[in-house]
């Protein structure tokens, strides 16, 4: 059995204590840094989610934003979305959330010529190129450039 005299610290005891305190300080600094990085990551994620939440398009099957409506659950900027079968070639008016423009296409998969719209469209045109009234199959939205 080994006895250590703790009444008078020895050189080894001082070295071990110093090492432990140094390691504890470094560990506390790392924990603090991890906490700070976690807060930053959460903030970035919240900002990203808020930006995505802003993208909204509501399609109506009658003019003046009347009749049945459909709004895709998730719209990602720059990603083409084809409307579900029961909404193909059905929209007569639509509403795009603030800060975004969308290109609408008469073919699935954003094929062919698209027409860019933003804001509230009370009646889709039958004379535009391409004509969109009862003729939209897909769309893609992007943040408006000021």
Protein backbone atom coordinates (compact mmCIF):
# COMPACT_ATOMS: atom_id res chain seq x y z
CA UNK A 1 0.00 0.00 0.00
CA UNK A 2 1.29 3.47 -0.92
CA UNK A 3 0.63 6.51 1.25
CA UNK A 4 0.70 10.01 -0.19
CA UNK A 5 1.36 12.86 2.13
CA UNK A 6 -1.22 15.49 1.09
CA UNK A 7 -0.19 17.95 3.76
CA UNK A 8 2.66 19.14 1.59
CA UNK A 9 2.09 18.92 -2.19
CA UNK A 10 4.87 17.20 -4.01
CA UNK A 11 6.16 18.18 -7.44
CA UNK A 12 4.33 15.24 -9.05
CA UNK A 13 1.05 16.22 -7.37
CA UNK A 14 1.40 19.80 -8.66
CA UNK A 15 2.15 18.56 -12.19
CA UNK A 16 -0.83 16.17 -12.20
CA UNK A 17 -3.15 18.85 -10.81
CA UNK A 18 -1.95 21.38 -13.38
CA UNK A 19 -2.50 18.87 -16.20
CA UNK A 20 -6.01 18.06 -14.99
CA UNK A 21 -6.94 21.75 -14.68
CA UNK A 22 -5.48 22.46 -18.13
CA UNK A 23 -7.43 19.57 -19.67
CA UNK A 24 -10.61 20.72 -17.92
CA UNK A 25 -10.14 24.27 -19.26
CA UNK A 26 -9.61 22.96 -22.81
CA UNK A 27 -12.67 20.72 -22.51
CA UNK A 28 -14.81 23.61 -21.26
CA UNK A 29 -13.60 25.76 -24.18
CA UNK A 30 -14.52 23.00 -26.65
CA UNK A 31 -17.95 22.53 -25.10
CA UNK A 32 -18.50 26.29 -25.33
CA UNK A 33 -17.39 26.30 -28.98
CA UNK A 34 -19.68 23.36 -29.80
CA UNK A 35 -22.58 25.18 -28.14
CA UNK A 36 -21.86 28.33 -30.16
CA UNK A 37 -21.57 26.38 -33.42
CA UNK A 38 -24.83 24.58 -32.64
CA UNK A 39 -26.58 27.94 -32.14
CA UNK A 40 -25.19 29.18 -35.47
CA UNK A 41 -26.26 25.99 -37.25
CA UNK A 42 -29.78 26.26 -35.82
CA UNK A 43 -29.96 29.91 -36.88
CA UNK A 44 -28.85 29.05 -40.43
CA UNK A 45 -31.39 26.22 -40.60
CA UNK A 46 -34.18 28.48 -39.34
CA UNK A 47 -33.29 31.15 -41.92
CA UNK A 48 -33.25 28.52 -44.68
CA UNK A 49 -36.62 27.15 -43.59
CA UNK A 50 -38.07 30.66 -43.45
CA UNK A 51 -36.83 31.33 -46.98
CA UNK A 52 -38.42 28.12 -48.22
CA UNK A 53 -41.69 28.88 -46.45
CA UNK A 54 -41.97 32.11 -48.43
CA UNK A 55 -42.34 30.24 -51.71
CA UNK A 56 -46.03 29.68 -52.32
CA UNK A 57 -48.24 29.26 -55.35
CA UNK A 58 -52.00 28.79 -55.16
CA UNK A 59 -53.84 27.63 -58.28
CA UNK A 60 -57.59 28.28 -58.69
CA UNK A 61 -59.92 26.57 -61.14
CA UNK A 62 -61.92 29.75 -61.75
CA UNK A 63 -60.97 33.36 -62.53
CA UNK A 64 -60.55 35.98 -59.78
CA UNK A 65 -59.06 33.44 -57.36
CA UNK A 66 -62.36 31.61 -57.02
CA UNK A 67 -63.40 27.97 -57.12
CA UNK A 68 -61.39 25.02 -55.92
CA UNK A 69 -57.75 25.68 -55.10
CA UNK A 70 -54.52 23.76 -54.95
CA UNK A 71 -51.18 24.72 -53.42
CA UNK A 72 -48.20 22.35 -53.51
CA UNK A 73 -47.05 21.45 -50.00
CA UNK A 74 -43.38 22.09 -50.68
CA UNK A 75 -41.91 24.29 -53.38
CA UNK A 76 -38.14 24.49 -53.65
CA UNK A 77 -36.67 27.47 -55.49
CA UNK A 78 -35.34 26.54 -58.93
CA UNK A 79 -36.87 23.06 -58.86
CA UNK A 80 -39.45 22.13 -61.51
CA UNK A 81 -42.76 20.83 -60.24
CA UNK A 82 -45.34 19.05 -62.35
CA UNK A 83 -48.90 19.49 -61.15
CA UNK A 84 -50.82 16.41 -59.99
CA UNK A 85 -53.10 14.77 -62.56
CA UNK A 86 -56.30 16.36 -61.30
CA UNK A 87 -54.76 19.85 -61.68
CA UNK A 88 -53.17 19.45 -65.11
CA UNK A 89 -54.61 22.05 -67.54
CA UNK A 90 -57.11 23.23 -64.89
CA UNK A 91 -55.88 26.58 -63.48
CA UNK A 92 -57.67 29.77 -64.54
CA UNK A 93 -56.10 32.13 -61.97
CA UNK A 94 -53.27 31.94 -59.47
CA UNK A 95 -51.43 33.67 -56.67
CA UNK A 96 -47.66 33.68 -56.17
CA UNK A 97 -46.19 34.55 -52.77
CA UNK A 98 -44.33 37.86 -52.38
CA UNK A 99 -40.71 38.07 -53.45
CA UNK A 100 -40.89 35.27 -56.04
CA UNK A 101 -41.47 34.90 -59.75
CA UNK A 102 -42.50 31.65 -61.36
CA UNK A 103 -42.24 30.29 -64.87
CA UNK A 104 -45.28 28.30 -65.99
CA UNK A 105 -45.19 25.67 -68.71
CA UNK A 106 -47.82 23.93 -70.81
CA UNK A 107 -45.87 20.65 -70.64
CA UNK A 108 -44.86 18.45 -67.71
CA UNK A 109 -41.26 18.68 -66.51
CA UNK A 110 -40.98 22.40 -67.38
CA UNK A 111 -40.50 21.52 -71.04
CA UNK A 112 -40.93 24.05 -73.82
CA UNK A 113 -41.41 27.79 -73.58
CA UNK A 114 -42.40 29.13 -70.17
CA UNK A 115 -44.12 32.33 -69.16
CA UNK A 116 -42.88 34.27 -66.11
CA UNK A 117 -45.49 35.61 -63.68
CA UNK A 118 -45.51 37.09 -60.18
CA UNK A 119 -48.07 38.31 -57.66
CA UNK A 120 -51.79 37.83 -58.21
CA UNK A 121 -53.07 36.80 -61.63
CA UNK A 122 -56.86 37.14 -61.67
CA UNK A 123 -57.21 35.54 -65.10
CA UNK A 124 -54.57 33.56 -66.94
CA UNK A 125 -54.21 34.66 -70.55
CA UNK A 126 -55.57 32.73 -73.52
CA UNK A 127 -53.58 34.88 -75.96
CA UNK A 128 -50.13 34.84 -74.32
CA UNK A 129 -47.30 32.70 -75.65
CA UNK A 130 -47.76 30.11 -74.41
CA UNK A 131 -51.45 30.50 -73.52
CA UNK A 132 -51.80 29.49 -69.85
CA UNK A 133 -55.58 29.57 -69.26
CA UNK A 134 -56.52 25.93 -68.47
CA UNK A 135 -53.13 24.98 -69.88
CA UNK A 136 -50.52 24.77 -67.05
CA UNK A 137 -48.83 21.45 -66.35
CA UNK A 138 -45.62 22.46 -64.56
CA UNK A 139 -43.80 25.42 -63.01
CA UNK A 140 -40.58 26.57 -61.38
CA UNK A 141 -40.12 29.52 -58.99
CA UNK A 142 -37.16 31.70 -58.07
CA UNK A 143 -36.47 34.62 -55.75
CA UNK A 144 -37.20 37.95 -57.49
CA UNK A 145 -34.17 40.02 -58.34
CA UNK A 146 -34.66 43.59 -57.23
